Amino acid sequence: MTEAVHIQEAVQQRESLLLRVVRRFADSRELTLLILVAILAIGMSIVYPNNFPTGANLRAVLLNLAPVGILVCGMMLLMIAGSFDLSCGSTLALAGVWAGVVAGWWGWPAEVAVLVGIAVGAIAGLINGLIVTRIGINALIATLGTLTIYRSLTYVTAGTGVTPISDAFAAYGRAADPILRIQSPFWVMLVIVLAGSWLVSRTRFFRQFYFVGGNPRAAQLSGIRVDRLTLVAFIIMGALAGIAGVFGAARLNSAVVNAGVGIELKVITATVLGGASLKGGEGTIIGGILGVLFIALIENAMIINAIGVFWQGMVVGLVLLFAVSLDRFKTSGRV
């Protein structure tokens, strides 16, 4: 009987140790992601020395993660505030198409087209925010509805798209630095990440979003205008989707109507993986970007191995379930 008790205690200790490891993994998300990204990059460099660590491949990885990275900055802010936006992919496409129409069909200056695209995204975000804060519709239902509406408006606006747009407009997305030769969408993303990280972590206004997401009622009673902050977060999300759409269209010199289809899954996956809680009040911009980089490396490994796009979607879905499970372990009190 005593031996059985000892065995049971040993099993419980091992389970407790495992749960403590899982908890530490969930709590130090940025550091853990950084380690995983480093391990994954080193492993791929060893296994695929002729494919992964080449300049062309690394530039492609950084360029392809740029639109997701831009959107993650806005999604992280929304999720910190306890909300989210499923329509970001449709907003991206709508903004890119309108920029293409202005520059390609109307012949207006490229600078005006860029501003119009960003403005379209901000207006779309404003509409989402008003639906959520003024009408009181849940963000899931509201943005699920506008996802379809904005995508339909994209088709109505441009039919099959705008191709080509103009050389002056394309220059915004194709300009590259002389040293690393990485095109402008990545550098735009980097500026947004650095600025967003500083604003969220250092400024009083953006720090309020943590209080809103952590306890909206207490934030309201303390004098924080919860609805206004939520509205601002949706506008920022829309504007960032507009930026991603404009620079994506400029890089291709083509505004396609199916741009951004399914991108919201990657964005939410990277955001939750980067430390955002589904209950709000947690997360960092840097964590979200590390989540984007982690997913981008996994996708790149699958591309190198010629794994089909449908399998890639399955892997992203599994990563999302894993990230949500970590959030569940962290907040449920089970660890």
C-alpha atoms as a PDB file:
ATOM      1  CA  MET A   1       0.000   0.000   0.000  1.00  0.00           C
ATOM      2  CA  THR A   2       2.832   2.350   0.873  1.00  0.00           C
ATOM      3  CA  GLU A   3       4.595   1.598  -2.417  1.00  0.00           C
ATOM      4  CA  ALA A   4       1.415   2.402  -4.357  1.00  0.00           C
ATOM      5  CA  VAL A   5       1.138   5.738  -2.528  1.00  0.00           C
ATOM      6  CA  HIS A   6       4.744   6.565  -3.404  1.00  0.00           C
ATOM      7  CA  ILE A   7       4.125   5.729  -7.056  1.00  0.00           C
ATOM      8  CA  GLN A   8       1.020   7.938  -7.088  1.00  0.00           C
ATOM      9  CA  GLU A   9       2.936  10.807  -5.483  1.00  0.00           C
ATOM     10  CA  ALA A  10       5.744  10.436  -8.035  1.00  0.00           C
ATOM     11  CA  VAL A  11       3.227  10.560 -10.886  1.00  0.00           C
ATOM     12  CA  GLN A  12       1.610  13.666  -9.424  1.00  0.00           C
ATOM     13  CA  GLN A  13       4.999  15.338  -9.061  1.00  0.00           C
ATOM     14  CA  ARG A  14       5.837  14.606 -12.695  1.00  0.00           C
ATOM     15  CA  GLU A  15       2.450  15.978 -13.782  1.00  0.00           C
ATOM     16  CA  SER A  16       2.993  19.066 -11.635  1.00  0.00           C
ATOM     17  CA  LEU A  17       6.426  19.592 -13.192  1.00  0.00           C
ATOM     18  CA  LEU A  18       4.952  19.267 -16.691  1.00  0.00           C
ATOM     19  CA  LEU A  19       2.226  21.779 -15.876  1.00  0.00           C
ATOM     20  CA  ARG A  20       4.802  24.215 -14.476  1.00  0.00           C
ATOM     21  CA  VAL A  21       6.813  23.912 -17.692  1.00  0.00           C
ATOM     22  CA  VAL A  22       3.680  24.557 -19.751  1.00  0.00           C
ATOM     23  CA  ARG A  23       2.853  27.576 -17.604  1.00  0.00           C
ATOM     24  CA  ARG A  24       6.303  29.057 -18.025  1.00  0.00           C
ATOM     25  CA  PHE A  25       6.003  28.438 -21.747  1.00  0.00           C
ATOM     26  CA  ALA A  26       2.705  30.349 -21.784  1.00  0.00           C
ATOM     27  CA  ASP A  27       3.895  33.195 -19.547  1.00  0.00           C
ATOM     28  CA  SER A  28       7.165  34.035 -21.330  1.00  0.00           C
ATOM     29  CA  ARG A  29       5.710  33.942 -24.825  1.00  0.00           C
ATOM     30  CA  GLU A  30       8.105  36.388 -26.503  1.00  0.00           C
ATOM     31  CA  LEU A  31      11.240  34.664 -25.225  1.00  0.00           C
ATOM     32  CA  THR A  32       9.871  31.235 -26.084  1.00  0.00           C
ATOM     33  CA  LEU A  33       8.942  32.313 -29.605  1.00  0.00           C
ATOM     34  CA  LEU A  34      12.352  33.878 -30.111  1.00  0.00           C
ATOM     35  CA  ILE A  35      14.007  30.599 -29.109  1.00  0.00           C
ATOM     36  CA  LEU A  36      11.684  28.583 -31.362  1.00  0.00           C
ATOM     37  CA  VAL A  37      12.325  30.907 -34.309  1.00  0.00           C
ATOM     38  CA  ALA A  38      16.088  30.618 -33.773  1.00  0.00           C
ATOM     39  CA  ILE A  39      15.933  26.815 -33.520  1.00  0.00           C
ATOM     40  CA  LEU A  40      13.729  26.590 -36.610  1.00  0.00           C
ATOM     41  CA  ALA A  41      15.982  28.889 -38.638  1.00  0.00           C
ATOM     42  CA  ILE A  42      19.154  27.033 -37.620  1.00  0.00           C
ATOM     43  CA  GLY A  43      17.539  23.667 -38.296  1.00  0.00           C
ATOM     44  CA  MET A  44      16.351  24.708 -41.749  1.00  0.00           C
ATOM     45  CA  SER A  45      19.793  26.104 -42.562  1.00  0.00           C
ATOM     46  CA  ILE A  46      21.321  22.728 -41.706  1.00  0.00           C
ATOM     47  CA  VAL A  47      18.724  20.583 -43.460  1.00  0.00           C
ATOM     48  CA  TYR A  48      18.309  22.824 -46.523  1.00  0.00           C
ATOM     49  CA  PRO A  49      21.698  24.549 -46.933  1.00  0.00           C
ATOM     50  CA  ASN A  50      21.123  25.209 -50.631  1.00  0.00           C
ATOM     51  CA  ASN A  51      17.574  26.527 -50.294  1.00  0.00           C
ATOM     52  CA  PHE A  52      16.799  28.262 -47.003  1.00  0.00           C
ATOM     53  CA  PRO A  53      19.798  30.460 -46.059  1.00  0.00           C
ATOM     54  CA  THR A  54      20.080  32.060 -49.502  1.00  0.00           C
ATOM     55  CA  GLY A  55      19.602  35.806 -49.876  1.00  0.00           C
ATOM     56  CA  ALA A  56      16.763  35.391 -52.365  1.00  0.00           C
ATOM     57  CA  ASN A  57      14.811  33.039 -50.102  1.00  0.00           C
ATOM     58  CA  LEU A  58      15.276  35.149 -46.972  1.00  0.00           C
ATOM     59  CA  ARG A  59      14.186  38.271 -48.846  1.00  0.00           C
ATOM     60  CA  ALA A  60      11.105  36.403 -50.078  1.00  0.00           C
ATOM     61  CA  VAL A  61      10.247  35.291 -46.524  1.00  0.00           C
ATOM     62  CA  LEU A  62      10.545  38.820 -45.130  1.00  0.00           C
ATOM     63  CA  LEU A  63       8.606  40.321 -48.023  1.00  0.00           C
ATOM     64  CA  ASN A  64       5.787  37.797 -47.812  1.00  0.00           C
ATOM     65  CA  LEU A  65       5.311  38.264 -44.070  1.00  0.00           C
ATOM     66  CA  ALA A  66       5.034  42.069 -44.420  1.00  0.00           C
ATOM     67  CA  PRO A  67       1.241  42.315 -44.981  1.00  0.00           C
ATOM     68  CA  VAL A  68       0.509  39.864 -42.168  1.00  0.00           C
ATOM     69  CA  GLY A  69       2.911  41.734 -39.892  1.00  0.00           C
ATOM     70  CA  ILE A  70       1.204  45.052 -40.601  1.00  0.00           C
ATOM     71  CA  LEU A  71      -2.210  43.577 -39.862  1.00  0.00           C
ATOM     72  CA  VAL A  72      -0.966  41.886 -36.680  1.00  0.00           C
ATOM     73  CA  CYS A  73      -0.070  45.287 -35.215  1.00  0.00           C
ATOM     74  CA  GLY A  74      -3.686  46.394 -35.530  1.00  0.00           C
ATOM     75  CA  MET A  75      -5.117  43.050 -34.464  1.00  0.00           C
ATOM     76  CA  MET A  76      -2.918  42.976 -31.371  1.00  0.00           C
ATOM     77  CA  LEU A  77      -4.220  46.392 -30.325  1.00  0.00           C
ATOM     78  CA  LEU A  78      -7.800  45.234 -30.843  1.00  0.00           C
ATOM     79  CA  MET A  79      -7.288  41.991 -28.922  1.00  0.00           C
ATOM     80  CA  ILE A  80      -5.592  43.844 -26.072  1.00  0.00           C
ATOM     81  CA  ALA A  81      -8.797  45.905 -25.931  1.00  0.00           C
ATOM     82  CA  GLY A  82     -10.861  42.711 -25.874  1.00  0.00           C
ATOM     83  CA  SER A  83     -12.061  42.706 -29.474  1.00  0.00           C
ATOM     84  CA  PHE A  84     -10.956  41.567 -32.951  1.00  0.00           C
ATOM     85  CA  ASP A  85     -11.646  42.090 -36.649  1.00  0.00           C
ATOM     86  CA  LEU A  86     -12.444  39.269 -39.075  1.00  0.00           C
ATOM     87  CA  SER A  87     -12.865  41.661 -42.014  1.00  0.00           C
ATOM     88  CA  CYS A  88      -9.211  42.773 -42.234  1.00  0.00           C
ATOM     89  CA  GLY A  89      -8.528  40.674 -45.339  1.00  0.00           C
ATOM     90  CA  SER A  90     -11.528  42.111 -47.178  1.00  0.00           C
ATOM     91  CA  THR A  91     -10.556  45.620 -46.076  1.00  0.00           C
ATOM     92  CA  LEU A  92      -7.051  45.021 -47.442  1.00  0.00           C
ATOM     93  CA  ALA A  93      -8.472  44.025 -50.832  1.00  0.00           C
ATOM     94  CA  LEU A  94     -10.949  46.916 -50.939  1.00  0.00           C
ATOM     95  CA  ALA A  95      -8.249  49.481 -50.136  1.00  0.00           C
ATOM     96  CA  GLY A  96      -5.867  48.054 -52.729  1.00  0.00           C
ATOM     97  CA  VAL A  97      -8.545  48.053 -55.423  1.00  0.00           C
ATOM     98  CA  TRP A  98      -9.541  51.657 -54.736  1.00  0.00           C
ATOM     99  CA  ALA A  99      -5.903  52.737 -54.874  1.00  0.00           C
ATOM    100  CA  GLY A 100      -5.636  50.902 -58.194  1.00  0.00           C
ATOM    101  CA  VAL A 101      -8.786  52.538 -59.550  1.00  0.00           C
ATOM    102  CA  VAL A 102      -7.587  56.023 -58.595  1.00  0.00           C
ATOM    103  CA  ALA A 103      -4.096  55.589 -60.065  1.00  0.00           C
ATOM    104  CA  GLY A 104      -4.842  53.184 -62.922  1.00  0.00           C
ATOM    105  CA  TRP A 105      -8.297  54.044 -64.230  1.00  0.00           C
ATOM    106  CA  TRP A 106      -8.638  57.665 -63.221  1.00  0.00           C
ATOM    107  CA  GLY A 107      -5.002  58.561 -63.824  1.00  0.00           C
ATOM    108  CA  TRP A 108      -4.582  60.534 -60.619  1.00  0.00           C
ATOM    109  CA  PRO A 109      -1.113  60.908 -59.015  1.00  0.00           C
ATOM    110  CA  ALA A 110       0.240  57.852 -57.213  1.00  0.00           C
ATOM    111  CA  GLU A 111       0.516  59.804 -53.961  1.00  0.00           C
ATOM    112  CA  VAL A 112      -3.209  60.520 -54.034  1.00  0.00           C
ATOM    113  CA  ALA A 113      -3.941  56.855 -54.764  1.00  0.00           C
ATOM    114  CA  VAL A 114      -1.918  55.774 -51.725  1.00  0.00           C
ATOM    115  CA  LEU A 115      -3.784  58.206 -49.477  1.00  0.00           C
ATOM    116  CA  VAL A 116      -7.151  57.149 -50.904  1.00  0.00           C
ATOM    117  CA  GLY A 117      -6.382  53.483 -50.247  1.00  0.00           C
ATOM    118  CA  ILE A 118      -5.401  54.155 -46.638  1.00  0.00           C
ATOM    119  CA  ALA A 119      -8.476  56.360 -46.171  1.00  0.00           C
ATOM    120  CA  VAL A 120     -10.747  53.610 -47.531  1.00  0.00           C
ATOM    121  CA  GLY A 121      -9.262  51.196 -45.004  1.00  0.00           C
ATOM    122  CA  ALA A 122      -9.724  53.677 -42.153  1.00  0.00           C
ATOM    123  CA  ILE A 123     -13.356  54.286 -43.166  1.00  0.00           C
ATOM    124  CA  ALA A 124     -13.982  50.532 -43.228  1.00  0.00           C
ATOM    125  CA  GLY A 125     -12.503  50.309 -39.732  1.00  0.00           C
ATOM    126  CA  LEU A 126     -14.633  53.235 -38.611  1.00  0.00           C
ATOM    127  CA  ILE A 127     -17.766  51.467 -39.827  1.00  0.00           C
ATOM    128  CA  ASN A 128     -16.771  48.314 -37.951  1.00  0.00           C
ATOM    129  CA  GLY A 129     -16.151  50.328 -34.804  1.00  0.00           C
ATOM    130  CA  LEU A 130     -19.467  52.159 -35.016  1.00  0.00           C
ATOM    131  CA  ILE A 131     -21.360  48.905 -35.482  1.00  0.00           C
ATOM    132  CA  VAL A 132     -19.688  47.421 -32.404  1.00  0.00           C
ATOM    133  CA  THR A 133     -19.746  50.470 -30.106  1.00  0.00           C
ATOM    134  CA  ARG A 134     -22.876  52.345 -31.171  1.00  0.00           C
ATOM    135  CA  ILE A 135     -25.216  49.594 -32.302  1.00  0.00           C
ATOM    136  CA  GLY A 136     -23.820  47.105 -29.799  1.00  0.00           C
ATOM    137  CA  ILE A 137     -23.379  44.135 -32.120  1.00  0.00           C
ATOM    138  CA  ASN A 138     -20.772  41.599 -31.052  1.00  0.00           C
ATOM    139  CA  ALA A 139     -17.456  42.052 -32.883  1.00  0.00           C
ATOM    140  CA  LEU A 140     -17.577  38.471 -34.177  1.00  0.00           C
ATOM    141  CA  ILE A 141     -20.930  38.954 -35.880  1.00  0.00           C
ATOM    142  CA  ALA A 142     -20.238  42.544 -36.945  1.00  0.00           C
ATOM    143  CA  THR A 143     -16.933  41.889 -38.674  1.00  0.00           C
ATOM    144  CA  LEU A 144     -18.122  38.574 -40.079  1.00  0.00           C
ATOM    145  CA  GLY A 145     -20.869  40.568 -41.800  1.00  0.00           C
ATOM    146  CA  THR A 146     -18.570  43.338 -43.019  1.00  0.00           C
ATOM    147  CA  LEU A 147     -16.090  40.716 -44.242  1.00  0.00           C
ATOM    148  CA  THR A 148     -18.678  39.699 -46.829  1.00  0.00           C
ATOM    149  CA  ILE A 149     -19.843  43.260 -47.495  1.00  0.00           C
ATOM    150  CA  TYR A 150     -16.349  44.657 -48.108  1.00  0.00           C
ATOM    151  CA  ARG A 151     -15.395  41.722 -50.309  1.00  0.00           C
ATOM    152  CA  SER A 152     -18.556  42.208 -52.355  1.00  0.00           C
ATOM    153  CA  LEU A 153     -17.811  45.943 -52.679  1.00  0.00           C
ATOM    154  CA  THR A 154     -14.371  45.007 -53.958  1.00  0.00           C
ATOM    155  CA  TYR A 155     -15.882  42.935 -56.753  1.00  0.00           C
ATOM    156  CA  VAL A 156     -18.468  45.611 -57.525  1.00  0.00           C
ATOM    157  CA  THR A 157     -15.789  48.304 -57.678  1.00  0.00           C
ATOM    158  CA  ALA A 158     -13.260  46.628 -59.941  1.00  0.00           C
ATOM    159  CA  GLY A 159     -14.752  43.445 -61.359  1.00  0.00           C
ATOM    160  CA  THR A 160     -11.703  41.273 -62.020  1.00  0.00           C
ATOM    161  CA  GLY A 161      -9.245  43.864 -60.717  1.00  0.00           C
ATOM    162  CA  VAL A 162      -6.995  46.640 -62.000  1.00  0.00           C
ATOM    163  CA  THR A 163      -3.980  45.386 -63.994  1.00  0.00           C
ATOM    164  CA  PRO A 164      -1.585  47.047 -64.607  1.00  0.00           C
ATOM    165  CA  ILE A 165      -1.963  50.166 -62.486  1.00  0.00           C
ATOM    166  CA  SER A 166       0.918  52.566 -63.216  1.00  0.00           C
ATOM    167  CA  ASP A 167       4.700  52.627 -62.965  1.00  0.00           C
ATOM    168  CA  ALA A 168       4.614  55.558 -60.543  1.00  0.00           C
ATOM    169  CA  PHE A 169       2.276  53.681 -58.230  1.00  0.00           C
ATOM    170  CA  ALA A 170       4.292  50.452 -58.525  1.00  0.00           C
ATOM    171  CA  ALA A 171       7.409  52.305 -57.383  1.00  0.00           C
ATOM    172  CA  TYR A 172       5.914  52.576 -53.883  1.00  0.00           C
ATOM    173  CA  GLY A 173       5.887  48.805 -53.496  1.00  0.00           C
ATOM    174  CA  ARG A 174       8.999  47.905 -55.495  1.00  0.00           C
ATOM    175  CA  ALA A 175      11.559  50.363 -54.120  1.00  0.00           C
ATOM    176  CA  ALA A 176      14.351  48.453 -52.381  1.00  0.00           C
ATOM    177  CA  ASP A 177      17.226  49.452 -50.141  1.00  0.00           C
ATOM    178  CA  PRO A 178      20.675  49.335 -51.818  1.00  0.00           C
ATOM    179  CA  ILE A 179      22.285  46.987 -49.279  1.00  0.00           C
ATOM    180  CA  LEU A 180      19.861  44.183 -48.403  1.00  0.00           C
ATOM    181  CA  ARG A 181      17.685  44.769 -51.496  1.00  0.00           C
ATOM    182  CA  ILE A 182      14.477  44.161 -49.567  1.00  0.00           C
ATOM    183  CA  GLN A 183      11.465  45.909 -51.061  1.00  0.00           C
ATOM    184  CA  SER A 184       9.562  48.669 -49.303  1.00  0.00           C
ATOM    185  CA  PRO A 185       6.595  46.685 -47.828  1.00  0.00           C
ATOM    186  CA  PHE A 186       8.954  45.066 -45.318  1.00  0.00           C
ATOM    187  CA  TRP A 187      10.450  48.401 -44.252  1.00  0.00           C
ATOM    188  CA  VAL A 188       6.985  49.905 -43.910  1.00  0.00           C
ATOM    189  CA  MET A 189       6.048  46.980 -41.682  1.00  0.00           C
ATOM    190  CA  LEU A 190       9.205  47.441 -39.617  1.00  0.00           C
ATOM    191  CA  VAL A 191       8.466  51.129 -39.030  1.00  0.00           C
ATOM    192  CA  ILE A 192       4.885  50.321 -38.011  1.00  0.00           C
ATOM    193  CA  VAL A 193       6.067  47.571 -35.658  1.00  0.00           C
ATOM    194  CA  LEU A 194       8.635  49.775 -33.940  1.00  0.00           C
ATOM    195  CA  ALA A 195       6.264  52.743 -33.671  1.00  0.00           C
ATOM    196  CA  GLY A 196       3.372  50.569 -32.491  1.00  0.00           C
ATOM    197  CA  SER A 197       5.496  48.763 -29.929  1.00  0.00           C
ATOM    198  CA  TRP A 198       6.711  52.043 -28.477  1.00  0.00           C
ATOM    199  CA  LEU A 199       3.245  53.579 -28.395  1.00  0.00           C
ATOM    200  CA  VAL A 200       1.600  50.575 -26.738  1.00  0.00           C
ATOM    201  CA  SER A 201       4.309  50.112 -24.127  1.00  0.00           C
ATOM    202  CA  ARG A 202       5.307  53.714 -23.392  1.00  0.00           C
ATOM    203  CA  THR A 203       2.407  56.110 -23.919  1.00  0.00           C
ATOM    204  CA  ARG A 204      -0.418  56.717 -21.482  1.00  0.00           C
ATOM    205  CA  PHE A 205      -3.131  56.792 -24.145  1.00  0.00           C
ATOM    206  CA  PHE A 206      -2.334  53.376 -25.599  1.00  0.00           C
ATOM    207  CA  ARG A 207      -1.691  51.825 -22.200  1.00  0.00           C
ATOM    208  CA  GLN A 208      -5.380  52.387 -21.512  1.00  0.00           C
ATOM    209  CA  PHE A 209      -6.226  49.604 -23.965  1.00  0.00           C
ATOM    210  CA  TYR A 210      -4.903  47.058 -21.448  1.00  0.00           C
ATOM    211  CA  PHE A 211      -7.358  48.350 -18.828  1.00  0.00           C
ATOM    212  CA  VAL A 212     -10.207  48.245 -21.342  1.00  0.00           C
ATOM    213  CA  GLY A 213      -9.474  44.635 -22.261  1.00  0.00           C
ATOM    214  CA  GLY A 214      -8.702  43.520 -18.722  1.00  0.00           C
ATOM    215  CA  ASN A 215     -11.879  44.867 -17.106  1.00  0.00           C
ATOM    216  CA  PRO A 216     -14.113  47.113 -19.262  1.00  0.00           C
ATOM    217  CA  ARG A 217     -16.513  47.881 -16.405  1.00  0.00           C
ATOM    218  CA  ALA A 218     -13.740  48.957 -14.044  1.00  0.00           C
ATOM    219  CA  ALA A 219     -12.124  50.991 -16.833  1.00  0.00           C
ATOM    220  CA  GLN A 220     -15.438  52.757 -17.482  1.00  0.00           C
ATOM    221  CA  LEU A 221     -15.884  53.556 -13.789  1.00  0.00           C
ATOM    222  CA  SER A 222     -12.337  54.935 -13.582  1.00  0.00           C
ATOM    223  CA  GLY A 223     -13.119  57.477 -16.290  1.00  0.00           C
ATOM    224  CA  ILE A 224     -11.738  55.715 -19.361  1.00  0.00           C
ATOM    225  CA  ARG A 225     -13.953  56.144 -22.412  1.00  0.00           C
ATOM    226  CA  VAL A 226     -14.134  52.505 -23.404  1.00  0.00           C
ATOM    227  CA  ASP A 227     -16.256  52.931 -26.529  1.00  0.00           C
ATOM    228  CA  ARG A 228     -14.045  55.700 -27.859  1.00  0.00           C
ATOM    229  CA  LEU A 229     -10.897  53.630 -27.397  1.00  0.00           C
ATOM    230  CA  THR A 230     -12.513  50.616 -29.043  1.00  0.00           C
ATOM    231  CA  LEU A 231     -13.549  52.815 -31.960  1.00  0.00           C
ATOM    232  CA  VAL A 232      -9.996  54.160 -32.267  1.00  0.00           C
ATOM    233  CA  ALA A 233      -8.637  50.598 -32.292  1.00  0.00           C
ATOM    234  CA  PHE A 234     -10.956  49.625 -35.153  1.00  0.00           C
ATOM    235  CA  ILE A 235      -9.969  52.727 -37.148  1.00  0.00           C
ATOM    236  CA  ILE A 236      -6.271  51.942 -36.660  1.00  0.00           C
ATOM    237  CA  MET A 237      -6.913  48.341 -37.708  1.00  0.00           C
ATOM    238  CA  GLY A 238      -8.667  49.540 -40.856  1.00  0.00           C
ATOM    239  CA  ALA A 239      -5.942  52.059 -41.700  1.00  0.00           C
ATOM    240  CA  LEU A 240      -3.259  49.392 -41.308  1.00  0.00           C
ATOM    241  CA  ALA A 241      -5.259  47.059 -43.540  1.00  0.00           C
ATOM    242  CA  GLY A 242      -5.380  49.915 -46.038  1.00  0.00           C
ATOM    243  CA  ILE A 243      -1.588  50.315 -45.876  1.00  0.00           C
ATOM    244  CA  ALA A 244      -1.084  46.579 -46.374  1.00  0.00           C
ATOM    245  CA  GLY A 245      -3.500  46.577 -49.309  1.00  0.00           C
ATOM    246  CA  VAL A 246      -1.947  49.613 -50.992  1.00  0.00           C
ATOM    247  CA  PHE A 247       1.653  48.421 -50.742  1.00  0.00           C
ATOM    248  CA  GLY A 248       0.660  44.904 -51.749  1.00  0.00           C
ATOM    249  CA  ALA A 249      -1.043  46.222 -54.880  1.00  0.00           C
ATOM    250  CA  ALA A 250       1.910  48.505 -55.590  1.00  0.00           C
ATOM    251  CA  ARG A 251       4.426  45.669 -55.313  1.00  0.00           C
ATOM    252  CA  LEU A 252       2.495  43.616 -57.865  1.00  0.00           C
ATOM    253  CA  ASN A 253       1.390  46.683 -59.877  1.00  0.00           C
ATOM    254  CA  SER A 254      -1.957  44.936 -59.806  1.00  0.00           C
ATOM    255  CA  ALA A 255      -5.003  45.296 -57.559  1.00  0.00           C
ATOM    256  CA  VAL A 256      -6.606  41.853 -57.435  1.00  0.00           C
ATOM    257  CA  VAL A 257     -10.056  41.401 -55.953  1.00  0.00           C
ATOM    258  CA  ASN A 258      -9.193  38.176 -54.106  1.00  0.00           C
ATOM    259  CA  ALA A 259      -6.241  39.676 -52.245  1.00  0.00           C
ATOM    260  CA  GLY A 260      -6.182  38.847 -48.546  1.00  0.00           C
ATOM    261  CA  VAL A 261      -8.536  35.874 -48.737  1.00  0.00           C
ATOM    262  CA  GLY A 262      -7.983  33.836 -45.583  1.00  0.00           C
ATOM    263  CA  ILE A 263      -5.328  36.169 -44.221  1.00  0.00           C
ATOM    264  CA  GLU A 264      -7.399  36.834 -41.098  1.00  0.00           C
ATOM    265  CA  LEU A 265      -6.676  33.268 -39.940  1.00  0.00           C
ATOM    266  CA  LYS A 266      -2.923  33.868 -40.112  1.00  0.00           C
ATOM    267  CA  VAL A 267      -3.273  37.231 -38.415  1.00  0.00           C
ATOM    268  CA  ILE A 268      -5.316  35.924 -35.492  1.00  0.00           C
ATOM    269  CA  THR A 269      -3.069  32.859 -35.190  1.00  0.00           C
ATOM    270  CA  ALA A 270       0.085  34.980 -35.005  1.00  0.00           C
ATOM    271  CA  THR A 271      -1.556  37.398 -32.570  1.00  0.00           C
ATOM    272  CA  VAL A 272      -2.677  34.698 -30.141  1.00  0.00           C
ATOM    273  CA  LEU A 273       0.607  32.831 -30.558  1.00  0.00           C
ATOM    274  CA  GLY A 274       2.389  36.087 -29.735  1.00  0.00           C
ATOM    275  CA  GLY A 275       0.704  36.400 -26.356  1.00  0.00           C
ATOM    276  CA  ALA A 276      -2.691  38.014 -26.924  1.00  0.00           C
ATOM    277  CA  SER A 277      -5.448  36.645 -24.730  1.00  0.00           C
ATOM    278  CA  LEU A 278      -8.910  35.888 -26.072  1.00  0.00           C
ATOM    279  CA  LYS A 279     -10.246  37.621 -22.946  1.00  0.00           C
ATOM    280  CA  GLY A 280      -8.280  40.809 -23.629  1.00  0.00           C
ATOM    281  CA  GLY A 281      -5.826  42.820 -21.579  1.00  0.00           C
ATOM    282  CA  GLU A 282      -2.651  40.998 -22.664  1.00  0.00           C
ATOM    283  CA  GLY A 283      -0.161  40.914 -25.506  1.00  0.00           C
ATOM    284  CA  THR A 284       2.657  42.882 -27.132  1.00  0.00           C
ATOM    285  CA  ILE A 285       3.370  44.000 -30.687  1.00  0.00           C
ATOM    286  CA  ILE A 286       6.786  42.318 -30.611  1.00  0.00           C
ATOM    287  CA  GLY A 287       5.189  39.041 -29.538  1.00  0.00           C
ATOM    288  CA  GLY A 288       2.762  39.243 -32.449  1.00  0.00           C
ATOM    289  CA  ILE A 289       5.566  39.832 -34.950  1.00  0.00           C
ATOM    290  CA  LEU A 290       7.519  36.879 -33.578  1.00  0.00           C
ATOM    291  CA  GLY A 291       4.368  34.835 -34.104  1.00  0.00           C
ATOM    292  CA  VAL A 292       4.236  36.017 -37.721  1.00  0.00           C
ATOM    293  CA  LEU A 293       7.891  35.094 -38.234  1.00  0.00           C
ATOM    294  CA  PHE A 294       7.368  31.654 -36.705  1.00  0.00           C
ATOM    295  CA  ILE A 295       4.454  30.902 -39.039  1.00  0.00           C
ATOM    296  CA  ALA A 296       6.358  32.320 -42.038  1.00  0.00           C
ATOM    297  CA  LEU A 297       9.300  29.982 -41.378  1.00  0.00           C
ATOM    298  CA  ILE A 298       7.004  26.970 -41.096  1.00  0.00           C
ATOM    299  CA  GLU A 299       5.319  27.888 -44.377  1.00  0.00           C
ATOM    300  CA  ASN A 300       8.689  28.412 -46.036  1.00  0.00           C
ATOM    301  CA  ALA A 301       9.821  24.951 -44.922  1.00  0.00           C
ATOM    302  CA  MET A 302       6.676  23.454 -46.459  1.00  0.00           C
ATOM    303  CA  ILE A 303       7.221  25.384 -49.692  1.00  0.00           C
ATOM    304  CA  ILE A 304      10.809  24.122 -49.923  1.00  0.00           C
ATOM    305  CA  ASN A 305       9.454  20.586 -49.473  1.00  0.00           C
ATOM    306  CA  ALA A 306       6.802  21.209 -52.166  1.00  0.00           C
ATOM    307  CA  ILE A 307       3.956  20.586 -49.706  1.00  0.00           C
ATOM    308  CA  GLY A 308       0.584  21.641 -51.104  1.00  0.00           C
ATOM    309  CA  VAL A 309      -1.146  24.857 -50.076  1.00  0.00           C
ATOM    310  CA  PHE A 310      -4.028  22.965 -48.458  1.00  0.00           C
ATOM    311  CA  TRP A 311      -1.624  21.245 -46.076  1.00  0.00           C
ATOM    312  CA  GLN A 312      -0.145  24.639 -45.259  1.00  0.00           C
ATOM    313  CA  GLY A 313      -3.590  25.859 -44.205  1.00  0.00           C
ATOM    314  CA  MET A 314      -3.989  22.794 -42.012  1.00  0.00           C
ATOM    315  CA  VAL A 315      -0.712  23.531 -40.255  1.00  0.00           C
ATOM    316  CA  VAL A 316      -1.715  27.159 -39.626  1.00  0.00           C
ATOM    317  CA  GLY A 317      -4.987  25.898 -38.141  1.00  0.00           C
ATOM    318  CA  LEU A 318      -3.110  23.501 -35.856  1.00  0.00           C
ATOM    319  CA  VAL A 319      -0.826  26.314 -34.720  1.00  0.00           C
ATOM    320  CA  LEU A 320      -3.919  28.394 -33.898  1.00  0.00           C
ATOM    321  CA  LEU A 321      -5.369  25.562 -31.803  1.00  0.00           C
ATOM    322  CA  PHE A 322      -2.029  25.201 -30.030  1.00  0.00           C
ATOM    323  CA  ALA A 323      -1.886  28.937 -29.297  1.00  0.00           C
ATOM    324  CA  VAL A 324      -5.462  28.994 -27.996  1.00  0.00           C
ATOM    325  CA  SER A 325      -4.676  25.970 -25.816  1.00  0.00           C
ATOM    326  CA  LEU A 326      -1.767  27.879 -24.274  1.00  0.00           C
ATOM    327  CA  ASP A 327      -4.086  30.806 -23.572  1.00  0.00           C
ATOM    328  CA  ARG A 328      -6.585  28.405 -22.021  1.00  0.00           C
ATOM    329  CA  PHE A 329      -3.945  26.855 -19.771  1.00  0.00           C
ATOM    330  CA  LYS A 330      -2.762  30.293 -18.741  1.00  0.00           C
ATOM    331  CA  THR A 331      -6.152  31.711 -17.783  1.00  0.00           C
ATOM    332  CA  SER A 332      -8.105  28.690 -16.508  1.00  0.00           C
ATOM    333  CA  GLY A 333      -6.128  28.213 -13.313  1.00  0.00           C
ATOM    334  CA  ARG A 334      -5.305  24.627 -14.244  1.00  0.00           C
ATOM    335  CA  VAL A 335      -1.581  25.447 -14.334  1.00  0.00           C
END
